[in-house]
N, C-alpha and C. Protein backbone atom coordinates (compact mmCIF):
# COMPACT_ATOMS: atom_id res chain seq x y z
N MET A 1 30.64 71.70 60.15
CA MET A 1 31.16 72.24 61.39
C MET A 1 30.43 73.53 61.75
N LYS A 2 30.22 74.32 60.73
CA LYS A 2 29.51 75.59 60.96
C LYS A 2 28.07 75.34 61.37
N ASN A 3 27.42 74.35 60.76
CA ASN A 3 26.02 74.03 61.11
C ASN A 3 25.90 73.58 62.56
N LYS A 4 26.87 72.80 63.01
CA LYS A 4 26.84 72.32 64.38
C LYS A 4 26.96 73.47 65.36
N GLU A 5 27.78 74.41 65.01
CA GLU A 5 27.95 75.58 65.87
C GLU A 5 26.67 76.40 65.93
N LYS A 6 26.00 76.51 64.79
CA LYS A 6 24.74 77.27 64.76
C LYS A 6 23.69 76.62 65.65
N ASN A 7 23.57 75.29 65.63
CA ASN A 7 22.59 74.58 66.45
C ASN A 7 22.86 74.79 67.93
N LEU A 8 24.13 74.78 68.31
CA LEU A 8 24.50 74.99 69.69
C LEU A 8 24.13 76.39 70.14
N ASP A 9 24.31 77.35 69.24
CA ASP A 9 23.96 78.74 69.56
C ASP A 9 22.46 78.89 69.77
N LYS A 10 21.67 78.18 68.95
CA LYS A 10 20.20 78.27 69.09
C LYS A 10 19.74 77.68 70.42
N GLU A 11 20.31 76.54 70.81
CA GLU A 11 19.92 75.92 72.07
C GLU A 11 20.28 76.81 73.25
N LYS A 12 21.43 77.45 73.17
CA LYS A 12 21.86 78.35 74.23
C LYS A 12 20.92 79.54 74.34
N GLU A 13 20.44 80.03 73.15
CA GLU A 13 19.53 81.19 73.12
C GLU A 13 18.19 80.82 73.76
N LYS A 14 17.68 79.60 73.52
CA LYS A 14 16.42 79.16 74.11
C LYS A 14 16.52 79.09 75.62
N GLU A 15 17.66 78.58 76.09
CA GLU A 15 17.84 78.48 77.53
C GLU A 15 17.87 79.85 78.18
N GLU A 16 18.49 80.83 77.48
CA GLU A 16 18.58 82.18 78.03
C GLU A 16 17.20 82.84 78.06
N ASN A 17 16.34 82.56 77.06
CA ASN A 17 15.02 83.17 76.98
C ASN A 17 14.01 82.53 77.93
N CYS A 18 14.28 81.34 78.46
CA CYS A 18 13.35 80.65 79.37
C CYS A 18 13.39 81.34 80.73
N SER A 19 12.25 81.90 81.15
CA SER A 19 12.18 82.66 82.39
C SER A 19 12.28 81.80 83.63
N CYS A 20 12.00 80.48 83.48
CA CYS A 20 12.03 79.61 84.67
C CYS A 20 13.44 79.31 85.11
N GLU A 21 14.41 79.62 84.19
CA GLU A 21 15.81 79.37 84.49
C GLU A 21 16.01 77.93 84.94
N HIS A 22 15.27 77.05 84.25
CA HIS A 22 15.37 75.61 84.48
C HIS A 22 14.95 75.19 85.87
N ASP A 23 14.12 76.05 86.51
CA ASP A 23 13.48 75.66 87.78
C ASP A 23 12.20 74.94 87.42
N LYS A 24 12.24 73.65 87.27
CA LYS A 24 11.15 72.88 86.70
C LYS A 24 9.89 72.95 87.55
N GLU A 25 10.03 73.06 88.87
CA GLU A 25 8.85 73.08 89.74
C GLU A 25 8.07 74.36 89.62
N ASN A 26 8.79 75.48 89.34
CA ASN A 26 8.13 76.79 89.27
C ASN A 26 8.15 77.37 87.86
N CYS A 27 8.24 76.53 86.88
CA CYS A 27 8.34 76.99 85.49
C CYS A 27 7.04 77.67 85.07
N ASP A 28 7.13 78.88 84.56
CA ASP A 28 5.96 79.59 84.04
C ASP A 28 6.28 80.31 82.73
N CYS A 29 7.28 79.77 82.04
CA CYS A 29 7.73 80.45 80.82
C CYS A 29 6.68 80.42 79.74
N GLY A 30 5.88 79.37 79.73
CA GLY A 30 4.82 79.29 78.72
C GLY A 30 5.33 79.01 77.33
N GLU A 31 6.57 78.68 77.19
CA GLU A 31 7.14 78.40 75.89
C GLU A 31 6.90 76.94 75.54
N ASN A 32 6.02 76.71 74.55
CA ASN A 32 5.72 75.32 74.18
C ASN A 32 6.91 74.63 73.53
N ASP A 33 7.77 75.46 72.91
CA ASP A 33 8.93 74.87 72.23
C ASP A 33 10.20 74.97 73.08
N CYS A 34 9.98 75.24 74.37
CA CYS A 34 11.14 75.34 75.27
C CYS A 34 11.78 73.97 75.40
N ASP A 35 13.06 73.89 75.19
CA ASP A 35 13.77 72.61 75.24
C ASP A 35 14.39 72.33 76.60
N CYS A 36 13.97 73.16 77.59
CA CYS A 36 14.59 72.97 78.90
C CYS A 36 14.09 71.71 79.58
N GLY A 37 12.95 71.17 79.11
CA GLY A 37 12.42 69.93 79.67
C GLY A 37 11.51 70.12 80.85
N CYS A 38 11.28 71.39 81.26
CA CYS A 38 10.46 71.62 82.45
C CYS A 38 9.00 71.28 82.22
N HIS A 39 8.57 71.33 80.98
CA HIS A 39 7.16 71.04 80.69
C HIS A 39 6.84 69.56 80.69
N ASP A 40 7.86 68.77 80.79
CA ASP A 40 7.64 67.33 80.80
C ASP A 40 7.38 66.81 82.21
N GLU A 41 7.47 67.68 83.21
CA GLU A 41 7.27 67.25 84.58
C GLU A 41 5.79 67.08 84.89
N GLU A 42 5.43 66.23 85.88
CA GLU A 42 4.05 66.04 86.32
C GLU A 42 3.51 67.30 86.98
N PRO A 43 2.20 67.62 86.82
CA PRO A 43 1.63 68.83 87.43
C PRO A 43 1.63 68.72 88.94
N ASN A 44 1.50 69.86 89.59
CA ASN A 44 1.48 69.92 91.04
C ASN A 44 0.25 69.17 91.59
N LYS A 45 0.46 68.24 92.53
CA LYS A 45 -0.63 67.40 93.06
C LYS A 45 -1.67 68.21 93.81
N GLU A 46 -1.25 69.20 94.55
CA GLU A 46 -2.19 70.03 95.30
C GLU A 46 -3.12 70.80 94.36
N GLU A 47 -2.53 71.32 93.27
CA GLU A 47 -3.34 72.04 92.29
C GLU A 47 -4.33 71.11 91.61
N MET A 48 -3.86 69.90 91.29
CA MET A 48 -4.76 68.92 90.67
C MET A 48 -5.90 68.54 91.62
N LEU A 49 -5.59 68.35 92.90
CA LEU A 49 -6.60 68.02 93.90
C LEU A 49 -7.63 69.14 94.03
N LYS A 50 -7.13 70.38 94.04
CA LYS A 50 -8.02 71.53 94.11
C LYS A 50 -8.92 71.61 92.90
N PHE A 51 -8.33 71.31 91.73
CA PHE A 51 -9.10 71.33 90.48
C PHE A 51 -10.23 70.30 90.52
N TYR A 52 -9.92 69.08 90.96
CA TYR A 52 -10.93 68.02 91.03
C TYR A 52 -12.01 68.34 92.08
N GLU A 53 -11.57 68.96 93.20
CA GLU A 53 -12.55 69.34 94.22
C GLU A 53 -13.55 70.35 93.68
N GLN A 54 -13.02 71.32 92.94
CA GLN A 54 -13.91 72.32 92.33
C GLN A 54 -14.84 71.69 91.30
N ALA A 55 -14.30 70.73 90.53
CA ALA A 55 -15.11 70.05 89.52
C ALA A 55 -16.24 69.25 90.17
N PHE A 56 -15.88 68.52 91.24
CA PHE A 56 -16.89 67.72 91.94
C PHE A 56 -17.93 68.61 92.62
N LYS A 57 -17.49 69.74 93.16
CA LYS A 57 -18.42 70.67 93.79
C LYS A 57 -19.41 71.23 92.76
N GLY A 58 -18.87 71.56 91.57
CA GLY A 58 -19.75 72.04 90.50
C GLY A 58 -20.75 70.97 90.09
N PHE A 59 -20.27 69.73 90.02
CA PHE A 59 -21.16 68.62 89.65
C PHE A 59 -22.23 68.40 90.72
N GLU A 60 -21.82 68.49 92.00
CA GLU A 60 -22.76 68.32 93.10
C GLU A 60 -23.81 69.43 93.10
N ASP A 61 -23.37 70.66 92.86
CA ASP A 61 -24.31 71.79 92.79
C ASP A 61 -25.32 71.59 91.66
N ALA A 62 -24.83 71.10 90.53
CA ALA A 62 -25.72 70.85 89.39
C ALA A 62 -26.75 69.77 89.73
N LEU A 63 -26.33 68.72 90.45
CA LEU A 63 -27.26 67.66 90.85
C LEU A 63 -28.31 68.19 91.81
N ASN A 64 -27.86 69.00 92.79
CA ASN A 64 -28.81 69.57 93.76
C ASN A 64 -29.83 70.46 93.07
N LYS A 65 -29.38 71.26 92.12
CA LYS A 65 -30.28 72.13 91.40
C LYS A 65 -31.28 71.32 90.57
N ALA A 66 -30.76 70.26 89.93
CA ALA A 66 -31.65 69.40 89.15
C ALA A 66 -32.69 68.73 90.04
N GLU A 67 -32.28 68.31 91.25
CA GLU A 67 -33.21 67.68 92.19
C GLU A 67 -34.28 68.67 92.65
N GLU A 68 -33.87 69.91 92.90
CA GLU A 68 -34.83 70.94 93.28
C GLU A 68 -35.83 71.20 92.16
N ASN A 69 -35.33 71.22 90.92
CA ASN A 69 -36.22 71.43 89.77
C ASN A 69 -37.22 70.28 89.63
N ILE A 70 -36.74 69.05 89.87
CA ILE A 70 -37.62 67.88 89.78
C ILE A 70 -38.71 67.95 90.84
N LYS A 71 -38.31 68.35 92.08
CA LYS A 71 -39.30 68.47 93.16
C LYS A 71 -40.33 69.54 92.83
N ALA A 72 -39.87 70.66 92.28
CA ALA A 72 -40.79 71.74 91.93
C ALA A 72 -41.76 71.31 90.84
N GLU A 73 -41.25 70.58 89.84
CA GLU A 73 -42.12 70.10 88.76
C GLU A 73 -43.11 69.07 89.26
N LYS A 74 -42.65 68.20 90.19
CA LYS A 74 -43.55 67.19 90.76
C LYS A 74 -44.66 67.86 91.56
N LYS A 75 -44.29 68.90 92.34
CA LYS A 75 -45.29 69.63 93.11
C LYS A 75 -46.31 70.29 92.19
N ARG A 76 -45.81 70.89 91.10
CA ARG A 76 -46.70 71.52 90.14
C ARG A 76 -47.62 70.49 89.48
N ALA A 77 -47.05 69.31 89.17
CA ALA A 77 -47.85 68.25 88.55
C ALA A 77 -48.93 67.76 89.51
N ASP A 78 -48.56 67.61 90.81
CA ASP A 78 -49.55 67.17 91.81
C ASP A 78 -50.67 68.19 91.95
N GLU A 79 -50.29 69.48 91.94
CA GLU A 79 -51.31 70.53 92.05
C GLU A 79 -52.25 70.51 90.84
N ASN A 80 -51.68 70.32 89.65
CA ASN A 80 -52.50 70.26 88.44
C ASN A 80 -53.42 69.04 88.45
N GLU A 81 -52.89 67.92 88.97
CA GLU A 81 -53.71 66.71 89.07
C GLU A 81 -54.87 66.92 90.04
N HIS A 82 -54.57 67.59 91.16
CA HIS A 82 -55.62 67.90 92.15
C HIS A 82 -56.70 68.79 91.55
N ILE A 83 -56.28 69.80 90.80
CA ILE A 83 -57.24 70.70 90.15
C ILE A 83 -58.09 69.94 89.14
N ALA A 84 -57.44 69.06 88.36
CA ALA A 84 -58.17 68.28 87.36
C ALA A 84 -59.16 67.33 88.02
N ARG A 85 -58.75 66.72 89.16
CA ARG A 85 -59.64 65.80 89.87
C ARG A 85 -60.85 66.55 90.43
N CYS A 86 -60.61 67.72 91.00
CA CYS A 86 -61.72 68.54 91.53
C CYS A 86 -62.66 68.96 90.41
N PHE A 87 -62.07 69.29 89.26
CA PHE A 87 -62.89 69.71 88.12
C PHE A 87 -63.76 68.56 87.64
N ARG A 88 -63.19 67.35 87.59
CA ARG A 88 -63.97 66.18 87.17
C ARG A 88 -65.11 65.91 88.15
N GLN A 89 -64.81 66.03 89.46
CA GLN A 89 -65.85 65.80 90.47
C GLN A 89 -66.97 66.83 90.35
N ASP A 90 -66.58 68.10 90.15
CA ASP A 90 -67.59 69.15 89.98
C ASP A 90 -68.42 68.90 88.73
N LEU A 91 -67.77 68.43 87.67
CA LEU A 91 -68.48 68.16 86.43
C LEU A 91 -69.47 67.02 86.61
N GLU A 92 -69.04 65.97 87.33
CA GLU A 92 -69.94 64.84 87.57
C GLU A 92 -71.13 65.26 88.42
N ARG A 93 -70.87 66.09 89.45
CA ARG A 93 -71.97 66.58 90.28
C ARG A 93 -72.92 67.46 89.47
N PHE A 94 -72.35 68.25 88.58
CA PHE A 94 -73.17 69.12 87.73
C PHE A 94 -74.05 68.28 86.80
N LYS A 95 -73.45 67.23 86.21
CA LYS A 95 -74.22 66.34 85.33
C LYS A 95 -75.34 65.64 86.11
N GLU A 96 -75.00 65.15 87.32
CA GLU A 96 -75.99 64.44 88.12
C GLU A 96 -77.11 65.38 88.55
N ARG A 97 -76.72 66.61 88.91
CA ARG A 97 -77.73 67.59 89.32
C ARG A 97 -78.65 67.93 88.15
N ASN A 98 -78.07 68.13 86.99
CA ASN A 98 -78.89 68.43 85.80
C ASN A 98 -79.77 67.24 85.42
N LYS A 99 -79.21 66.04 85.63
CA LYS A 99 -80.00 64.85 85.34
C LYS A 99 -81.22 64.77 86.24
N ASN A 100 -81.01 65.07 87.53
CA ASN A 100 -82.12 65.05 88.48
C ASN A 100 -83.14 66.14 88.16
N ILE A 101 -82.63 67.32 87.79
CA ILE A 101 -83.53 68.43 87.43
C ILE A 101 -84.35 68.06 86.20
N GLU A 102 -83.67 67.47 85.21
CA GLU A 102 -84.35 67.07 83.98
C GLU A 102 -85.43 66.02 84.27
N SER A 103 -85.07 65.04 85.14
CA SER A 103 -86.02 63.99 85.49
C SER A 103 -87.22 64.58 86.24
N GLU A 104 -86.92 65.50 87.17
CA GLU A 104 -88.00 66.12 87.94
C GLU A 104 -88.91 66.96 87.05
N LEU A 105 -88.29 67.68 86.12
CA LEU A 105 -89.07 68.51 85.20
C LEU A 105 -89.98 67.64 84.32
N LYS A 106 -89.42 66.54 83.84
CA LYS A 106 -90.20 65.62 83.02
C LYS A 106 -91.36 65.04 83.81
N THR A 107 -91.10 64.67 85.08
CA THR A 107 -92.16 64.12 85.93
C THR A 107 -93.28 65.13 86.15
N ASN A 108 -92.88 66.39 86.40
CA ASN A 108 -93.89 67.43 86.63
C ASN A 108 -94.74 67.68 85.39
N VAL A 109 -94.10 67.68 84.22
CA VAL A 109 -94.85 67.88 82.98
C VAL A 109 -95.83 66.73 82.76
N ASN A 110 -95.35 65.51 82.97
CA ASN A 110 -96.22 64.34 82.81
C ASN A 110 -97.39 64.36 83.81
N LYS A 111 -97.08 64.81 85.04
CA LYS A 111 -98.13 64.87 86.06
C LYS A 111 -99.19 65.90 85.68
N GLU A 112 -98.76 67.06 85.20
CA GLU A 112 -99.71 68.10 84.80
C GLU A 112 -100.59 67.61 83.65
N THR A 113 -99.96 66.91 82.71
CA THR A 113 -100.73 66.37 81.58
C THR A 113 -101.73 65.33 82.05
N ALA A 114 -101.26 64.45 82.96
CA ALA A 114 -102.15 63.39 83.47
C ALA A 114 -103.33 63.99 84.23
N LEU A 115 -103.06 65.04 85.00
CA LEU A 115 -104.14 65.67 85.79
C LEU A 115 -105.20 66.32 84.89
N LYS A 116 -104.83 66.63 83.68
CA LYS A 116 -105.81 67.17 82.74
C LYS A 116 -106.63 66.07 82.07
N ILE A 117 -106.01 64.90 81.92
CA ILE A 117 -106.69 63.78 81.25
C ILE A 117 -107.58 63.00 82.22
N ILE A 118 -107.14 62.86 83.48
CA ILE A 118 -107.85 62.03 84.46
C ILE A 118 -109.31 62.45 84.66
N PRO A 119 -109.62 63.74 84.80
CA PRO A 119 -111.04 64.12 84.95
C PRO A 119 -111.90 63.71 83.76
N VAL A 120 -111.31 63.74 82.58
CA VAL A 120 -112.04 63.31 81.39
C VAL A 120 -112.34 61.82 81.48
N LEU A 121 -111.36 61.04 81.95
CA LEU A 121 -111.58 59.61 82.13
C LEU A 121 -112.66 59.34 83.16
N ASP A 122 -112.68 60.14 84.23
CA ASP A 122 -113.72 59.99 85.26
C ASP A 122 -115.10 60.21 84.64
N ASN A 123 -115.20 61.20 83.78
CA ASN A 123 -116.48 61.48 83.11
C ASN A 123 -116.91 60.32 82.22
N PHE A 124 -115.94 59.73 81.53
CA PHE A 124 -116.27 58.58 80.68
C PHE A 124 -116.73 57.40 81.53
N ASP A 125 -116.09 57.18 82.70
CA ASP A 125 -116.50 56.09 83.59
C ASP A 125 -117.94 56.28 84.05
N GLN A 126 -118.29 57.50 84.41
CA GLN A 126 -119.66 57.79 84.84
C GLN A 126 -120.64 57.62 83.67
N ALA A 127 -120.22 58.07 82.50
CA ALA A 127 -121.10 57.97 81.33
C ALA A 127 -121.35 56.51 80.96
N LEU A 128 -120.31 55.68 81.08
CA LEU A 128 -120.47 54.28 80.71
C LEU A 128 -121.43 53.54 81.63
N THR A 129 -121.54 54.01 82.88
CA THR A 129 -122.48 53.36 83.81
C THR A 129 -123.93 53.80 83.57
N ASN A 130 -124.10 54.91 82.87
CA ASN A 130 -125.44 55.45 82.66
C ASN A 130 -125.95 55.30 81.24
N VAL A 131 -125.09 54.93 80.31
CA VAL A 131 -125.49 54.78 78.91
C VAL A 131 -125.88 53.33 78.66
N SER A 132 -127.04 53.12 78.05
CA SER A 132 -127.51 51.76 77.75
C SER A 132 -127.26 51.37 76.30
N ASP A 133 -127.11 52.35 75.45
CA ASP A 133 -126.88 52.08 74.02
C ASP A 133 -125.48 51.50 73.84
N GLU A 134 -125.45 50.29 73.27
CA GLU A 134 -124.18 49.59 73.11
C GLU A 134 -123.24 50.30 72.14
N ASN A 135 -123.78 50.88 71.09
CA ASN A 135 -122.94 51.57 70.11
C ASN A 135 -122.27 52.80 70.73
N ILE A 136 -123.04 53.50 71.56
CA ILE A 136 -122.47 54.67 72.24
C ILE A 136 -121.41 54.23 73.23
N LYS A 137 -121.71 53.12 73.95
CA LYS A 137 -120.72 52.60 74.90
C LYS A 137 -119.41 52.25 74.20
N LYS A 138 -119.53 51.61 73.05
CA LYS A 138 -118.31 51.23 72.31
C LYS A 138 -117.51 52.47 71.90
N GLY A 139 -118.22 53.53 71.50
CA GLY A 139 -117.54 54.77 71.12
C GLY A 139 -116.82 55.40 72.31
N PHE A 140 -117.53 55.41 73.48
CA PHE A 140 -116.92 55.94 74.69
C PHE A 140 -115.69 55.13 75.10
N GLU A 141 -115.83 53.82 75.01
CA GLU A 141 -114.73 52.95 75.42
C GLU A 141 -113.51 53.13 74.51
N MET A 142 -113.73 53.36 73.22
CA MET A 142 -112.61 53.59 72.29
C MET A 142 -111.86 54.87 72.67
N ILE A 143 -112.63 55.93 72.95
CA ILE A 143 -112.00 57.19 73.33
C ILE A 143 -111.26 57.04 74.66
N LYS A 144 -111.91 56.35 75.60
CA LYS A 144 -111.30 56.14 76.91
C LYS A 144 -109.98 55.36 76.78
N ASN A 145 -109.99 54.33 75.96
CA ASN A 145 -108.78 53.52 75.78
C ASN A 145 -107.65 54.33 75.15
N LYS A 146 -108.00 55.24 74.26
CA LYS A 146 -106.97 56.11 73.66
C LYS A 146 -106.37 57.03 74.71
N LEU A 147 -107.21 57.56 75.59
CA LEU A 147 -106.70 58.42 76.67
C LEU A 147 -105.82 57.62 77.63
N LEU A 148 -106.25 56.40 77.93
CA LEU A 148 -105.43 55.54 78.80
C LEU A 148 -104.08 55.24 78.15
N SER A 149 -104.10 55.08 76.81
CA SER A 149 -102.86 54.83 76.08
C SER A 149 -101.91 56.02 76.19
N VAL A 150 -102.47 57.23 76.16
CA VAL A 150 -101.66 58.44 76.31
C VAL A 150 -101.02 58.46 77.70
N LEU A 151 -101.81 58.12 78.73
CA LEU A 151 -101.28 58.08 80.09
C LEU A 151 -100.17 57.03 80.21
N THR A 152 -100.37 55.91 79.55
CA THR A 152 -99.34 54.86 79.59
C THR A 152 -98.03 55.35 79.00
N ASP A 153 -98.13 56.12 77.90
CA ASP A 153 -96.92 56.69 77.28
C ASP A 153 -96.20 57.64 78.22
N PHE A 154 -96.94 58.26 79.13
CA PHE A 154 -96.35 59.16 80.11
C PHE A 154 -95.91 58.43 81.38
N GLY A 155 -96.02 57.11 81.36
CA GLY A 155 -95.60 56.32 82.53
C GLY A 155 -96.61 56.32 83.65
N VAL A 156 -97.90 56.47 83.31
CA VAL A 156 -98.97 56.53 84.31
C VAL A 156 -99.84 55.28 84.21
N CYS A 157 -100.26 54.76 85.35
CA CYS A 157 -101.13 53.59 85.37
C CYS A 157 -102.19 53.74 86.47
N GLU A 158 -103.25 52.92 86.39
CA GLU A 158 -104.30 52.96 87.40
C GLU A 158 -103.83 52.32 88.70
N ILE A 159 -104.35 52.83 89.80
CA ILE A 159 -104.07 52.24 91.11
C ILE A 159 -105.03 51.07 91.34
N GLU A 160 -104.48 49.96 91.76
CA GLU A 160 -105.31 48.79 92.01
C GLU A 160 -106.23 49.03 93.21
N THR A 161 -107.45 48.56 93.08
CA THR A 161 -108.44 48.76 94.16
C THR A 161 -109.06 47.44 94.60
N ASP A 162 -108.44 46.36 94.21
CA ASP A 162 -108.91 45.05 94.66
C ASP A 162 -108.13 44.64 95.91
N GLY A 163 -108.87 44.29 96.93
CA GLY A 163 -108.21 43.80 98.13
C GLY A 163 -108.17 44.82 99.25
N GLU A 164 -107.08 44.82 99.99
CA GLU A 164 -106.98 45.59 101.22
C GLU A 164 -106.78 47.08 100.97
N PHE A 165 -107.36 47.87 101.87
CA PHE A 165 -107.21 49.32 101.80
C PHE A 165 -105.78 49.72 102.14
N ASN A 166 -105.23 50.64 101.36
CA ASN A 166 -103.87 51.13 101.57
C ASN A 166 -103.90 52.66 101.54
N PRO A 167 -103.70 53.32 102.68
CA PRO A 167 -103.81 54.78 102.72
C PRO A 167 -102.79 55.49 101.83
N GLU A 168 -101.76 54.78 101.43
CA GLU A 168 -100.75 55.39 100.54
C GLU A 168 -101.33 55.64 99.15
N PHE A 169 -102.29 54.78 98.75
CA PHE A 169 -102.86 54.89 97.41
C PHE A 169 -104.37 55.16 97.41
N HIS A 170 -105.03 54.92 98.54
CA HIS A 170 -106.49 55.03 98.58
C HIS A 170 -106.94 56.11 99.57
N ASP A 171 -108.05 56.71 99.25
CA ASP A 171 -108.66 57.72 100.14
C ASP A 171 -110.06 57.23 100.51
N CYS A 172 -110.24 56.88 101.78
CA CYS A 172 -111.52 56.34 102.25
C CYS A 172 -112.48 57.49 102.60
N VAL A 173 -113.68 57.46 101.99
CA VAL A 173 -114.68 58.51 102.26
C VAL A 173 -115.90 57.95 102.98
N SER A 174 -115.99 56.62 103.03
CA SER A 174 -117.11 56.00 103.76
C SER A 174 -116.75 54.57 104.14
N LYS A 175 -117.53 54.02 105.09
CA LYS A 175 -117.27 52.66 105.55
C LYS A 175 -118.56 51.85 105.53
N LEU A 176 -118.39 50.57 105.35
CA LEU A 176 -119.51 49.66 105.26
C LEU A 176 -119.23 48.46 106.15
N GLU A 177 -120.30 47.97 106.81
CA GLU A 177 -120.12 46.82 107.69
C GLU A 177 -119.71 45.61 106.88
N ALA A 178 -118.68 44.95 107.35
CA ALA A 178 -118.14 43.80 106.63
C ALA A 178 -119.06 42.60 106.76
N PRO A 179 -119.28 41.86 105.69
CA PRO A 179 -120.11 40.66 105.75
C PRO A 179 -119.45 39.54 106.56
N ASN A 180 -118.13 39.58 106.66
CA ASN A 180 -117.40 38.58 107.46
C ASN A 180 -116.05 39.18 107.87
N LYS A 181 -115.37 38.46 108.75
CA LYS A 181 -114.11 38.97 109.29
C LYS A 181 -113.03 39.11 108.22
N LYS A 182 -113.05 38.23 107.26
CA LYS A 182 -112.02 38.27 106.21
C LYS A 182 -112.10 39.55 105.38
N GLN A 183 -113.30 40.11 105.26
CA GLN A 183 -113.48 41.30 104.42
C GLN A 183 -113.12 42.60 105.14
N LYS A 184 -112.93 42.54 106.45
CA LYS A 184 -112.61 43.75 107.19
C LYS A 184 -111.32 44.39 106.68
N GLY A 185 -111.40 45.68 106.43
CA GLY A 185 -110.22 46.41 105.94
C GLY A 185 -110.07 46.37 104.44
N ASN A 186 -110.92 45.60 103.75
CA ASN A 186 -110.85 45.54 102.29
C ASN A 186 -111.71 46.64 101.67
N ILE A 187 -111.44 46.92 100.40
CA ILE A 187 -112.19 47.94 99.67
C ILE A 187 -113.54 47.36 99.25
N ALA A 188 -114.60 48.07 99.59
CA ALA A 188 -115.95 47.61 99.24
C ALA A 188 -116.41 48.19 97.91
N ARG A 189 -116.07 49.45 97.65
CA ARG A 189 -116.54 50.08 96.42
C ARG A 189 -115.57 51.21 96.02
N VAL A 190 -115.51 51.47 94.70
CA VAL A 190 -114.64 52.53 94.18
C VAL A 190 -115.52 53.64 93.64
N PHE A 191 -115.35 54.84 94.19
CA PHE A 191 -116.11 55.99 93.69
C PHE A 191 -115.38 56.67 92.51
N GLN A 192 -114.07 56.79 92.66
CA GLN A 192 -113.26 57.35 91.57
C GLN A 192 -111.92 56.60 91.53
N LYS A 193 -111.47 56.32 90.32
CA LYS A 193 -110.21 55.60 90.17
C LYS A 193 -109.02 56.52 90.50
N GLY A 194 -107.97 55.88 90.96
CA GLY A 194 -106.74 56.62 91.25
C GLY A 194 -105.65 56.28 90.24
N TYR A 195 -104.65 57.17 90.15
CA TYR A 195 -103.57 56.97 89.17
C TYR A 195 -102.22 57.30 89.81
N LYS A 196 -101.22 56.60 89.32
CA LYS A 196 -99.86 56.79 89.83
C LYS A 196 -98.86 56.58 88.70
N PHE A 197 -97.64 57.03 88.95
CA PHE A 197 -96.56 56.75 88.01
C PHE A 197 -96.07 55.33 88.23
N ASN A 198 -95.38 54.80 87.25
CA ASN A 198 -94.90 53.42 87.36
C ASN A 198 -93.92 53.22 88.52
N ASP A 199 -93.27 54.30 88.97
CA ASP A 199 -92.34 54.18 90.09
C ASP A 199 -93.05 54.26 91.44
N GLY A 200 -94.40 54.42 91.43
CA GLY A 200 -95.17 54.41 92.66
C GLY A 200 -95.62 55.77 93.15
N LYS A 201 -95.13 56.86 92.53
CA LYS A 201 -95.55 58.20 92.96
C LYS A 201 -97.02 58.43 92.59
N VAL A 202 -97.80 58.81 93.59
CA VAL A 202 -99.24 58.97 93.39
C VAL A 202 -99.55 60.30 92.71
N ILE A 203 -100.41 60.23 91.68
CA ILE A 203 -100.89 61.45 91.03
C ILE A 203 -102.25 61.83 91.61
N LYS A 204 -103.07 60.82 91.77
CA LYS A 204 -104.41 61.04 92.33
C LYS A 204 -104.82 59.78 93.09
N HIS A 205 -105.20 59.94 94.36
CA HIS A 205 -105.62 58.80 95.16
C HIS A 205 -106.98 58.27 94.67
N ALA A 206 -107.15 56.97 94.80
CA ALA A 206 -108.42 56.37 94.49
C ALA A 206 -109.40 56.64 95.65
N ILE A 207 -110.60 57.09 95.33
CA ILE A 207 -111.62 57.39 96.35
C ILE A 207 -112.47 56.14 96.53
N VAL A 208 -112.48 55.62 97.75
CA VAL A 208 -113.11 54.30 97.96
C VAL A 208 -113.96 54.26 99.24
N GLU A 209 -114.70 53.17 99.33
CA GLU A 209 -115.44 52.82 100.54
C GLU A 209 -114.86 51.49 101.02
N ILE A 210 -114.73 51.34 102.34
CA ILE A 210 -114.12 50.12 102.85
C ILE A 210 -115.01 49.42 103.84
N TYR A 211 -114.72 48.14 104.03
CA TYR A 211 -115.44 47.34 105.03
C TYR A 211 -114.78 47.55 106.40
N GLU A 212 -115.64 47.64 107.40
CA GLU A 212 -115.11 47.73 108.76
C GLU A 212 -115.70 46.64 109.64
């Protein structure tokens, strides 16, 4: 009997200490162990709606910020790609320019070397026409062939002088009456041989006489 009375006294004390005074809609007592039952009620719908609106707004703001960051990174990536593409193009142009310079330098060196050898070959050609001793001729021809071999290694060859005169490769210094119409414009005699590179660039024109 005494225990029952004590329990009733405790429940009465809890009700007295609850600041909401059992106003369930406006309860703010904060007592988790309050037995008034006010904490069992559903939360205010307007407050819940406001809470969700704020949550969605925060989520939307986060998405917008993430989208802006993605756009900024994409722009930066495009700029870096453009810079890399320009760099590659400049590098290719630099390589091509150096390649052309190297090729031109090599051609000039070969031409200078050939121009030093060609006069020696001309002397051998003249000597071979004036020497009657076969042993001497063979010696001259061996040396001449070695010099021609050097020119070949440099990509140099003789200009052809058989057939029609071509001002691109031949230099006419005299003319001779043609024995017939077919011979007109053809080379009659070669005074000095001409030389060119294998790609057609002339080093020295052949000096010739032609039929007219």
